[in-house]
Amino acid sequence: MQIKTTAVCALPLLVLCCQQAFGGGILLYEIGTDNAGLANAGAAARAQGPSTIASNPAGMSYLPGTQITGGLQVLYGNLKFNRDEDTNVPGSGSGNVLDPIPGGSFFITHQLDDHWSVGFGQYGDFGLAVNYDNDWSGRYFAQNSSLLGLSMVPSVAYRFNEQWSVGVGVKAMYGKIQAQTAIDRSPFGLTDRGDGQFKYKDEDWGFGANVGVIYAPQPGTRIGVTYTSKVDLQFKDGLDVKGNGPALDRLNGLNTQLDMTVPQTVTLSLFQQLDQQWAVLASLNWQDWSEFGDVGVQVDTTAVGAQSTNIDANYKDTWQLALGAQYQATQQLLWNFGVAYDSSAVSDHDRTVTAPMAESWRIATGATYALNKDTDINVSWALVWLGDMPADQTKSLSGDRISGQFDSAWIQAVTGNMTWRF
């Protein structure tokens, strides 16, 4: 795609953290449920509440009557970029680019008979947002951007016998993207007027499926496998370019297309009840980030012309290993614990300020308290440690460069939810 324009801009699809906060990319494990307190351990095998719709729809077969779970959460963290001295664009550091991000979820399941169960889930399991200072030294790569993926999943499960259950959910995902990037107007002799600006905004619907199986070889043991298909989103928008000069303003309304594939995933989980108090859980998760697709639109310019291309960030598939435990402290109180490791979707030399991902460690805990036999309340917490993440980007035409490091990066999630049974 060739565009007559003037600057270098990046339209990131918000890939920070590690996914799901986040597996190796931006698929979220933390969606306002008790799964946050287990670091995703046992997610496809637990079948302990309606949120199993998100992790394995076959788990609905283990839920009697009608059950409802509603949850809220907030994500916050520390993601600050410290520039190297050889960065050739003047400006400040980034500040903390992570504003607190609220989220929530809703699930309902209903047992029709001894074999069939149905349910519906709504949750935001894809995306995050970064908000850099407008005058920071990497403003020609990114200023602020956000990506939202909201999933609505009607589901059905069938239990063959005491050992085997299957489930299927149809996923409708609403995706919304918006981004803003500064434009360097110095190649046109317009430095006295400051930077120009590039904006992009669109929304789309994509569709996929969740398929799961649970096998219980003996009481207290469950093995679950879940597959989630890819979801294709296609964003199209006319560019909103403002630069106080005809070389930039003529780009207004120019159509730009960005195709994105939300990756397919596979999760294998184990739930093992040891005795009346203790249970151990484990999960192995794979995400197909190598098929994620384009992650941005870059406009790189000099005084004689410009080139705009969709950016291929060279993503690679990611893996997660999660281990956890549950302790029934009293008849009313259940404690959750978990730890997990996620590989990175990008190599060190491919990391960018628009996609600051890395391998991560997660520690988590939470507690569920039974208010009565029909109502539970849960509070969970998770810390995702990303550590130091160096990044070095250079524009091929203009030569604009940003180099430095995200120091001691981390993200936390605090989650609360309630479950009602009828």
Protein backbone atom coordinates (compact mmCIF):
# COMPACT_ATOMS: atom_id res chain seq x y z
CA MET A 1 0.00 0.00 0.00
CA GLN A 2 1.56 3.31 -1.10
CA ILE A 3 0.49 6.64 0.37
CA LYS A 4 1.65 10.16 -0.45
CA THR A 5 2.23 11.51 3.03
CA THR A 6 4.81 12.83 5.41
CA ALA A 7 5.84 11.19 8.57
CA VAL A 8 6.34 8.06 10.42
CA CYS A 9 3.36 6.83 12.30
CA ALA A 10 2.55 3.56 13.96
CA LEU A 11 -0.87 2.20 14.59
CA PRO A 12 -0.32 -0.50 17.22
CA LEU A 13 -2.79 -3.18 18.01
CA LEU A 14 -1.87 -2.88 21.56
CA VAL A 15 0.14 -5.80 22.26
CA LEU A 16 1.58 -5.34 25.72
CA CYS A 17 2.06 -7.79 28.41
CA CYS A 18 2.34 -11.24 27.94
CA GLN A 19 -1.90 -12.84 27.29
CA GLN A 20 -3.62 -13.51 28.35
CA ALA A 21 -2.20 -10.12 31.13
CA PHE A 22 -2.07 -12.25 29.67
CA GLY A 23 -0.79 -15.07 27.79
CA GLY A 24 2.10 -14.38 25.48
CA GLY A 25 0.19 -11.63 23.76
CA ILE A 26 -3.08 -9.85 24.61
CA LEU A 27 -5.57 -12.64 25.25
CA LEU A 28 -6.62 -12.25 28.86
CA TYR A 29 -6.80 -14.98 31.50
CA GLU A 30 -8.08 -12.35 33.91
CA ILE A 31 -11.72 -11.62 33.00
CA GLY A 32 -13.31 -10.94 36.39
CA THR A 33 -13.50 -14.55 37.61
CA ASP A 34 -11.88 -16.74 40.27
CA ASN A 35 -9.54 -18.09 37.58
CA ALA A 36 -7.39 -15.01 38.20
CA GLY A 37 -6.45 -16.33 41.66
CA LEU A 38 -5.16 -19.60 40.18
CA ALA A 39 -3.00 -18.06 37.41
CA ASN A 40 -5.07 -20.12 34.94
CA ALA A 41 -4.10 -23.44 36.56
CA GLY A 42 -6.73 -26.12 35.96
CA ALA A 43 -8.88 -23.74 33.91
CA ALA A 44 -10.11 -26.35 31.39
CA ALA A 45 -10.83 -28.99 34.06
CA ARG A 46 -12.17 -27.20 37.19
CA ALA A 47 -15.84 -26.81 36.18
CA GLN A 48 -16.54 -24.98 39.46
CA GLY A 49 -18.88 -22.24 38.24
CA PRO A 50 -20.54 -20.61 35.20
CA SER A 51 -17.28 -18.95 34.08
CA THR A 52 -16.32 -22.41 32.76
CA ILE A 53 -18.03 -21.16 29.57
CA ALA A 54 -14.88 -19.14 28.87
CA SER A 55 -12.36 -21.84 29.79
CA ASN A 56 -14.19 -25.07 28.81
CA PRO A 57 -17.92 -25.16 27.91
CA ALA A 58 -18.01 -28.90 28.72
CA GLY A 59 -17.76 -27.90 32.39
CA MET A 60 -21.40 -26.73 32.33
CA SER A 61 -22.33 -30.43 32.65
CA TYR A 62 -21.10 -30.33 36.25
CA LEU A 63 -23.30 -27.39 37.31
CA PRO A 64 -26.76 -28.30 38.67
CA GLY A 65 -29.81 -26.05 38.35
CA THR A 66 -29.37 -22.45 37.23
CA GLN A 67 -26.22 -20.55 38.15
CA ILE A 68 -25.14 -16.94 37.52
CA THR A 69 -21.74 -15.29 37.99
CA GLY A 70 -21.06 -11.57 37.66
CA GLY A 71 -17.56 -10.16 38.02
CA LEU A 72 -15.62 -6.89 37.97
CA GLN A 73 -11.88 -6.23 37.84
CA VAL A 74 -9.27 -3.55 37.35
CA LEU A 75 -5.89 -3.89 35.66
CA TYR A 76 -3.09 -1.48 36.55
CA GLY A 77 0.67 -1.54 36.43
CA ASN A 78 4.07 -0.01 35.79
CA LEU A 79 5.24 0.31 32.19
CA LYS A 80 7.70 3.18 31.75
CA PHE A 81 10.16 3.61 28.89
CA ASN A 82 13.56 5.15 29.65
CA ARG A 83 15.22 6.42 26.45
CA ASP A 84 18.86 5.97 25.57
CA GLU A 85 21.02 9.04 25.00
CA ASP A 86 21.50 8.19 21.30
CA THR A 87 17.78 8.46 20.54
CA ASN A 88 17.65 11.05 17.75
CA VAL A 89 14.16 12.46 18.42
CA PRO A 90 13.96 15.14 21.12
CA GLY A 91 11.45 14.65 23.89
CA SER A 92 10.86 13.26 27.35
CA GLY A 93 10.48 9.78 28.77
CA SER A 94 7.19 7.99 28.32
CA GLY A 95 5.75 8.27 31.82
CA ASN A 96 3.64 5.31 32.98
CA VAL A 97 1.78 4.26 29.83
CA LEU A 98 -0.70 2.01 31.65
CA ASP A 99 -3.78 3.77 32.96
CA PRO A 100 -6.05 1.70 35.25
CA ILE A 101 -8.33 -0.40 33.01
CA PRO A 102 -11.71 -1.59 34.35
CA GLY A 103 -13.39 -4.75 33.08
CA GLY A 104 -16.17 -7.17 33.84
CA SER A 105 -17.94 -10.37 32.88
CA PHE A 106 -21.30 -12.13 33.10
CA PHE A 107 -22.13 -15.85 32.86
CA ILE A 108 -25.31 -17.89 33.23
CA THR A 109 -25.81 -21.66 32.95
CA HIS A 110 -28.91 -23.85 33.14
CA GLN A 111 -29.18 -27.63 33.44
CA LEU A 112 -31.97 -28.89 31.15
CA ASP A 113 -31.79 -32.56 32.23
CA ASP A 114 -29.27 -35.23 33.19
CA HIS A 115 -27.44 -34.82 29.88
CA TRP A 116 -27.96 -31.32 28.45
CA SER A 117 -26.90 -27.92 29.78
CA VAL A 118 -26.97 -24.50 28.13
CA GLY A 119 -25.35 -21.18 28.97
CA PHE A 120 -24.24 -17.74 27.87
CA GLY A 121 -21.10 -15.75 28.64
CA GLN A 122 -20.05 -12.17 28.00
CA TYR A 123 -16.51 -11.09 28.77
CA GLY A 124 -13.61 -9.00 27.50
CA ASP A 125 -10.75 -11.40 26.86
CA PHE A 126 -8.70 -9.54 24.26
CA GLY A 127 -6.82 -6.25 24.26
CA LEU A 128 -5.31 -3.56 26.43
CA ALA A 129 -4.40 0.11 26.08
CA VAL A 130 -1.27 2.27 26.19
CA ASN A 131 -1.20 6.03 26.77
CA TYR A 132 2.19 7.68 26.22
CA ASP A 133 2.87 11.35 26.96
CA ASN A 134 2.17 13.34 23.78
CA ASP A 135 5.64 14.95 23.77
CA TRP A 136 7.67 11.85 24.57
CA SER A 137 10.65 10.99 22.34
CA GLY A 138 8.85 8.05 20.72
CA ARG A 139 5.77 10.06 19.71
CA TYR A 140 6.43 9.41 16.01
CA PHE A 141 5.94 5.71 16.70
CA ALA A 142 2.99 5.90 19.10
CA GLN A 143 1.17 8.32 21.41
CA ASN A 144 -1.86 6.40 22.57
CA SER A 145 -3.79 3.40 21.34
CA SER A 146 -6.39 0.93 22.52
CA LEU A 147 -7.77 -2.37 21.35
CA LEU A 148 -10.94 -3.92 22.76
CA GLY A 149 -12.24 -7.42 22.13
CA LEU A 150 -15.61 -8.21 23.75
CA SER A 151 -16.83 -11.80 23.38
CA MET A 152 -20.42 -13.05 23.57
CA VAL A 153 -20.60 -16.84 23.72
CA PRO A 154 -23.87 -18.86 23.73
CA SER A 155 -22.91 -22.43 24.66
CA VAL A 156 -24.26 -25.96 25.00
CA ALA A 157 -22.86 -29.02 26.79
CA TYR A 158 -23.72 -32.72 26.74
CA ARG A 159 -22.78 -35.28 29.40
CA PHE A 160 -22.60 -38.82 28.03
CA ASN A 161 -21.99 -40.49 31.40
CA GLU A 162 -20.07 -40.00 34.64
CA GLN A 163 -16.79 -39.89 32.74
CA TRP A 164 -17.28 -37.95 29.50
CA SER A 165 -18.66 -34.47 28.77
CA VAL A 166 -18.38 -32.24 25.69
CA GLY A 167 -19.27 -28.62 25.10
CA VAL A 168 -19.42 -26.09 22.25
CA GLY A 169 -19.70 -22.31 22.29
CA VAL A 170 -20.20 -19.95 19.35
CA LYS A 171 -18.12 -16.82 19.86
CA ALA A 172 -19.14 -13.44 18.48
CA MET A 173 -16.37 -10.91 19.13
CA TYR A 174 -16.84 -7.17 18.88
CA GLY A 175 -13.51 -5.51 18.15
CA LYS A 176 -12.72 -1.81 18.41
CA ILE A 177 -9.42 -0.09 17.73
CA GLN A 178 -8.25 3.50 18.02
CA ALA A 179 -4.78 5.06 17.85
CA GLN A 180 -3.07 8.44 17.72
CA THR A 181 0.48 9.15 16.60
CA ALA A 182 2.47 12.34 16.09
CA ILE A 183 3.82 13.26 12.64
CA ASP A 184 7.27 14.78 12.16
CA ARG A 185 6.87 17.73 9.81
CA SER A 186 10.54 18.75 9.71
CA PRO A 187 11.10 17.25 6.21
CA PHE A 188 8.67 19.92 4.96
CA GLY A 189 10.20 22.85 6.78
CA LEU A 190 7.22 23.13 9.14
CA THR A 191 9.02 22.75 12.46
CA ASP A 192 7.75 26.12 13.69
CA ARG A 193 4.22 24.71 13.73
CA GLY A 194 4.97 21.69 15.88
CA ASP A 195 4.00 18.11 15.08
CA GLY A 196 1.19 16.95 12.89
CA GLN A 197 -1.08 14.14 14.01
CA PHE A 198 -2.39 10.86 12.64
CA LYS A 199 -5.53 9.16 13.97
CA TYR A 200 -7.20 5.87 13.16
CA LYS A 201 -10.42 4.41 14.54
CA ASP A 202 -12.74 1.57 13.54
CA GLU A 203 -14.76 -1.39 14.79
CA ASP A 204 -15.71 -4.81 13.44
CA TRP A 205 -17.33 -8.14 14.31
CA GLY A 206 -15.59 -11.50 14.06
CA PHE A 207 -16.79 -15.04 14.75
CA GLY A 208 -15.27 -18.24 16.07
CA ALA A 209 -15.93 -21.18 18.39
CA ASN A 210 -14.90 -22.72 21.71
CA VAL A 211 -14.87 -26.55 21.87
CA GLY A 212 -14.09 -28.55 24.98
CA VAL A 213 -13.97 -32.07 26.45
CA ILE A 214 -13.73 -33.21 30.08
CA TYR A 215 -12.78 -36.76 31.04
CA ALA A 216 -13.21 -37.92 34.65
CA PRO A 217 -11.52 -41.35 35.02
CA GLN A 218 -12.42 -41.52 38.72
CA PRO A 219 -14.17 -39.34 41.32
CA GLY A 220 -12.06 -36.28 42.15
CA THR A 221 -10.01 -36.41 38.94
CA ARG A 222 -10.83 -34.38 35.84
CA ILE A 223 -8.81 -33.86 32.67
CA GLY A 224 -9.98 -31.11 30.33
CA VAL A 225 -9.01 -30.03 26.83
CA THR A 226 -10.26 -26.84 25.17
CA TYR A 227 -9.75 -25.47 21.67
CA THR A 228 -10.65 -21.90 20.74
CA SER A 229 -10.66 -21.07 17.05
CA LYS A 230 -9.15 -17.99 15.46
CA VAL A 231 -11.30 -14.88 14.99
CA ASP A 232 -10.70 -12.62 12.00
CA LEU A 233 -11.21 -8.89 12.41
CA GLN A 234 -10.95 -6.40 9.55
CA PHE A 235 -10.60 -2.72 10.32
CA LYS A 236 -11.13 -0.10 7.61
CA ASP A 237 -11.09 3.64 8.13
CA GLY A 238 -10.30 6.87 6.41
CA LEU A 239 -7.17 8.44 7.89
CA ASP A 240 -7.67 11.50 10.09
CA VAL A 241 -4.50 13.50 9.45
CA LYS A 242 -3.99 17.04 10.69
CA GLY A 243 -0.82 18.95 9.93
CA ASN A 244 -1.63 22.56 9.03
CA GLY A 245 -0.14 22.04 5.60
CA PRO A 246 -1.41 20.67 2.27
CA ALA A 247 1.21 17.89 2.18
CA LEU A 248 -0.43 16.35 5.27
CA ASP A 249 -4.04 17.53 5.08
CA ARG A 250 -4.56 15.98 1.66
CA LEU A 251 -4.35 12.55 3.32
CA ASN A 252 -7.60 13.07 5.23
CA GLY A 253 -10.12 10.37 4.36
CA LEU A 254 -7.59 8.08 2.67
CA ASN A 255 -8.88 4.53 3.21
CA THR A 256 -6.58 2.20 5.14
CA GLN A 257 -7.25 -1.47 5.87
CA LEU A 258 -5.86 -3.47 8.78
CA ASP A 259 -6.49 -7.21 8.96
CA MET A 260 -5.97 -8.99 12.26
CA THR A 261 -6.34 -12.60 13.39
CA VAL A 262 -7.09 -13.26 17.05
CA PRO A 263 -5.06 -16.46 17.55
CA GLN A 264 -6.38 -19.95 18.05
CA THR A 265 -5.49 -21.61 21.36
CA VAL A 266 -5.35 -25.07 22.94
CA THR A 267 -5.43 -25.70 26.70
CA LEU A 268 -4.84 -28.99 28.53
CA SER A 269 -5.73 -28.98 32.24
CA LEU A 270 -5.81 -31.30 35.25
CA PHE A 271 -7.86 -31.06 38.45
CA GLN A 272 -7.01 -33.57 41.17
CA GLN A 273 -8.77 -33.69 44.54
CA LEU A 274 -6.27 -35.05 47.09
CA ASP A 275 -8.52 -35.14 50.16
CA GLN A 276 -11.38 -33.15 51.69
CA GLN A 277 -9.18 -30.06 52.02
CA TRP A 278 -6.59 -30.07 49.25
CA ALA A 279 -6.73 -30.14 45.46
CA VAL A 280 -3.92 -29.56 42.93
CA LEU A 281 -4.34 -28.07 39.46
CA ALA A 282 -2.23 -27.66 36.33
CA SER A 283 -2.57 -26.25 32.82
CA LEU A 284 -0.53 -26.24 29.62
CA ASN A 285 -1.63 -23.59 27.11
CA TRP A 286 -0.59 -22.90 23.49
CA GLN A 287 -1.43 -19.75 21.52
CA ASP A 288 -0.91 -19.36 17.79
CA TRP A 289 0.55 -15.84 17.77
CA SER A 290 2.56 -16.52 14.61
CA GLU A 291 -0.76 -16.14 12.77
CA PHE A 292 -1.73 -12.91 14.55
CA GLY A 293 -1.30 -10.89 11.34
CA ASP A 294 -0.64 -7.20 10.88
CA VAL A 295 -0.08 -5.16 14.01
CA GLY A 296 0.07 -1.64 12.68
CA VAL A 297 0.06 0.85 9.87
CA GLN A 298 3.36 2.72 9.51
CA VAL A 299 3.69 5.88 7.44
CA ASP A 300 7.34 6.76 6.86
CA THR A 301 8.22 9.97 5.05
CA THR A 302 10.87 12.22 3.72
CA ALA A 303 10.50 15.55 1.93
CA VAL A 304 10.11 13.82 -1.43
CA GLY A 305 7.47 11.24 -0.59
CA ALA A 306 6.26 8.54 1.74
CA GLN A 307 5.45 4.89 2.04
CA SER A 308 2.73 3.30 4.18
CA THR A 309 2.72 -0.38 5.02
CA ASN A 310 1.08 -2.83 7.38
CA ILE A 311 3.69 -3.94 9.89
CA ASP A 312 4.54 -7.61 10.39
CA ALA A 313 5.93 -7.87 13.91
CA ASN A 314 7.40 -11.39 13.46
CA TYR A 315 5.35 -12.89 16.27
CA LYS A 316 5.94 -16.46 17.37
CA ASP A 317 3.72 -18.96 19.14
CA THR A 318 3.58 -18.85 22.93
CA TRP A 319 3.29 -21.44 25.70
CA GLN A 320 2.10 -21.22 29.28
CA LEU A 321 2.65 -23.63 32.15
CA ALA A 322 0.52 -22.99 35.25
CA LEU A 323 0.44 -24.83 38.59
CA GLY A 324 -1.99 -24.20 41.42
CA ALA A 325 -3.67 -25.49 44.54
CA GLN A 326 -6.96 -25.10 46.41
CA TYR A 327 -7.31 -25.35 50.18
CA GLN A 328 -10.71 -25.73 51.85
CA ALA A 329 -9.83 -23.92 55.08
CA THR A 330 -13.37 -24.11 56.53
CA GLN A 331 -16.76 -25.17 55.25
CA GLN A 332 -17.27 -21.61 53.97
CA LEU A 333 -13.75 -20.55 52.93
CA LEU A 334 -11.78 -21.81 49.91
CA TRP A 335 -8.28 -20.47 49.18
CA ASN A 336 -6.77 -20.47 45.67
CA PHE A 337 -3.05 -20.24 44.82
CA GLY A 338 -1.27 -20.27 41.47
CA VAL A 339 1.98 -19.60 39.65
CA ALA A 340 2.56 -19.55 35.88
CA TYR A 341 5.20 -18.92 33.24
CA ASP A 342 4.44 -17.49 29.78
CA SER A 343 6.89 -17.43 26.89
CA SER A 344 7.14 -14.27 24.80
CA ALA A 345 5.47 -13.68 21.45
CA VAL A 346 8.44 -11.57 20.30
CA SER A 347 12.20 -11.98 20.35
CA ASP A 348 14.28 -9.25 21.98
CA HIS A 349 15.34 -7.79 18.61
CA ASP A 350 11.70 -7.60 17.42
CA ARG A 351 10.30 -5.84 20.49
CA THR A 352 8.87 -2.36 19.83
CA VAL A 353 7.43 0.46 21.90
CA THR A 354 4.10 -0.22 20.19
CA ALA A 355 4.22 -3.89 21.25
CA PRO A 356 6.23 -4.17 24.49
CA MET A 357 5.83 -7.88 25.17
CA ALA A 358 8.18 -10.29 26.91
CA GLU A 359 8.20 -13.57 28.77
CA SER A 360 6.48 -13.27 32.12
CA TRP A 361 5.94 -14.86 35.51
CA ARG A 362 2.61 -14.71 37.25
CA ILE A 363 1.79 -15.27 40.91
CA ALA A 364 -1.80 -15.23 42.10
CA THR A 365 -4.09 -15.94 45.01
CA GLY A 366 -7.72 -15.52 45.93
CA ALA A 367 -10.46 -16.62 48.29
CA THR A 368 -14.05 -17.75 47.83
CA TYR A 369 -16.43 -17.36 50.76
CA ALA A 370 -19.86 -19.03 50.88
CA LEU A 371 -22.35 -16.50 52.26
CA ASN A 372 -24.93 -19.31 52.28
CA LYS A 373 -25.55 -22.51 50.34
CA ASP A 374 -26.69 -20.56 47.26
CA THR A 375 -24.33 -17.55 47.18
CA ASP A 376 -20.54 -17.27 46.96
CA ILE A 377 -18.30 -14.23 46.83
CA ASN A 378 -14.74 -14.29 45.48
CA VAL A 379 -11.84 -11.83 45.58
CA SER A 380 -8.66 -12.58 43.59
CA TRP A 381 -5.32 -10.93 42.85
CA ALA A 382 -2.64 -11.61 40.26
CA LEU A 383 0.78 -10.08 39.60
CA VAL A 384 2.36 -10.41 36.15
CA TRP A 385 6.11 -9.68 36.22
CA LEU A 386 7.59 -8.64 32.85
CA GLY A 387 10.92 -7.34 34.08
CA ASP A 388 13.25 -5.30 31.85
CA MET A 389 12.28 -5.04 28.18
CA PRO A 390 14.72 -3.30 25.79
CA ALA A 391 13.33 -1.87 22.53
CA ASP A 392 15.01 -0.26 19.53
CA GLN A 393 13.05 1.05 16.51
CA THR A 394 14.20 2.99 13.45
CA LYS A 395 12.15 4.26 10.54
CA SER A 396 13.60 3.13 7.24
CA LEU A 397 13.09 6.40 5.33
CA SER A 398 13.27 9.24 7.81
CA GLY A 399 15.78 7.56 10.12
CA ASP A 400 13.80 8.53 13.24
CA ARG A 401 14.95 6.25 16.07
CA ILE A 402 13.77 5.42 19.55
CA SER A 403 15.98 3.27 21.74
CA GLY A 404 15.81 2.40 25.42
CA GLN A 405 14.20 0.05 27.89
CA PHE A 406 11.04 -0.59 29.86
CA ASP A 407 12.45 -1.06 33.37
CA SER A 408 10.96 -3.49 35.93
CA ALA A 409 7.60 -3.70 34.17
CA TRP A 410 4.65 -5.32 35.90
CA ILE A 411 0.87 -5.55 35.75
CA GLN A 412 -1.59 -6.43 38.50
CA ALA A 413 -5.22 -7.52 38.36
CA VAL A 414 -7.71 -7.25 41.22
CA THR A 415 -10.94 -9.19 40.66
CA GLY A 416 -14.21 -9.58 42.53
CA ASN A 417 -17.24 -11.67 41.61
CA MET A 418 -20.36 -13.28 43.01
CA THR A 419 -22.12 -16.52 42.09
CA TRP A 420 -25.81 -17.25 42.69
CA ARG A 421 -27.42 -20.72 42.41
CA PHE A 422 -31.14 -21.34 41.96
